[in-house]
Amino acid sequence: MTACEVSVRGRLSGSVEDVIRSRFGAVLARYGPGDSTTVLVTVADPAAQRALLTLLWDTGHDVLALRAEGEAPR
């Protein structure tokens, strides 16, 4: 599992948060100063991370930054 922190321009609508929650589980959206939002979510693999980014792009958000931190290899 990988913890993802994605910063986007604009605020997420409740419906976008609901879609993220239904696809990925728990989601936390932190609204920053100005016109930015930080989305915190855990994804299973790189394909899920790409799906999250695609969802954000498809709903009109500009991705400003991505930080992903996964489990250490065993």
Protein backbone atom coordinates (compact mmCIF):
# COMPACT_ATOMS: atom_id res chain seq x y z
CA MET A 1 0.00 0.00 0.00
CA THR A 2 1.15 3.52 -0.78
CA ALA A 3 0.16 6.70 1.03
CA CYS A 4 -0.45 9.44 -1.53
CA GLU A 5 -0.62 13.16 -0.92
CA VAL A 6 -1.83 15.03 -3.99
CA SER A 7 -2.06 18.81 -4.13
CA VAL A 8 -4.53 20.18 -6.63
CA ARG A 9 -5.74 23.60 -7.68
CA GLY A 10 -9.29 24.30 -6.56
CA ARG A 11 -11.63 22.69 -4.10
CA LEU A 12 -12.99 19.17 -4.45
CA SER A 13 -16.72 18.82 -4.69
CA GLY A 14 -18.47 16.42 -2.36
CA SER A 15 -19.26 14.16 -5.30
CA VAL A 16 -15.56 13.88 -6.27
CA GLU A 17 -14.69 13.03 -2.66
CA ASP A 18 -17.44 10.39 -2.70
CA VAL A 19 -16.04 8.81 -5.87
CA ILE A 20 -12.51 8.74 -4.43
CA ARG A 21 -13.87 7.19 -1.21
CA SER A 22 -15.80 4.53 -3.12
CA ARG A 23 -12.77 3.56 -5.22
CA PHE A 24 -9.93 3.89 -2.70
CA GLY A 25 -11.44 3.89 0.78
CA ALA A 26 -10.79 6.60 3.35
CA VAL A 27 -9.90 10.01 1.95
CA LEU A 28 -8.98 13.24 3.67
CA ALA A 29 -9.21 16.55 1.84
CA ARG A 30 -7.42 19.50 3.44
CA TYR A 31 -8.30 22.89 2.05
CA GLY A 32 -5.34 25.25 2.08
CA PRO A 33 -5.12 28.97 1.81
CA GLY A 34 -6.12 30.40 -1.51
CA ASP A 35 -7.25 27.98 -4.14
CA SER A 36 -5.62 24.66 -3.28
CA THR A 37 -6.59 21.31 -1.79
CA THR A 38 -4.43 18.49 -0.50
CA VAL A 39 -5.93 15.03 -0.94
CA LEU A 40 -4.63 12.21 1.28
CA VAL A 41 -5.49 8.65 0.28
CA THR A 42 -3.95 5.17 0.36
CA VAL A 43 -3.65 3.28 -2.93
CA ALA A 44 -2.79 -0.35 -3.58
CA ASP A 45 -0.31 0.03 -6.43
CA PRO A 46 0.98 2.34 -9.20
CA ALA A 47 -2.06 1.58 -11.37
CA ALA A 48 -4.38 2.79 -8.60
CA GLN A 49 -2.22 5.89 -8.16
CA ARG A 50 -2.58 6.62 -11.87
CA ALA A 51 -6.35 6.05 -11.62
CA LEU A 52 -6.54 8.62 -8.81
CA LEU A 53 -4.61 11.18 -10.86
CA THR A 54 -6.76 10.50 -13.92
CA LEU A 55 -9.92 10.97 -11.85
CA LEU A 56 -8.64 14.32 -10.61
CA TRP A 57 -7.64 15.43 -14.12
CA ASP A 58 -10.95 14.27 -15.60
CA THR A 59 -12.86 16.34 -13.03
CA GLY A 60 -10.99 19.49 -14.03
CA HIS A 61 -8.29 19.70 -11.36
CA ASP A 62 -4.71 20.75 -12.06
CA VAL A 63 -2.34 18.52 -10.11
CA LEU A 64 0.27 20.74 -8.50
CA ALA A 65 2.29 18.10 -6.62
CA LEU A 66 2.32 14.40 -5.78
CA ARG A 67 4.07 12.79 -2.86
CA ALA A 68 3.87 9.02 -2.47
CA GLU A 69 5.35 6.98 0.33
CA GLY A 70 5.08 3.21 0.17
CA GLU A 71 5.94 0.33 2.44
CA ALA A 72 9.56 -0.72 2.66
CA PRO A 73 10.42 -3.79 0.57
CA ARG A 74 10.44 -7.05 2.53
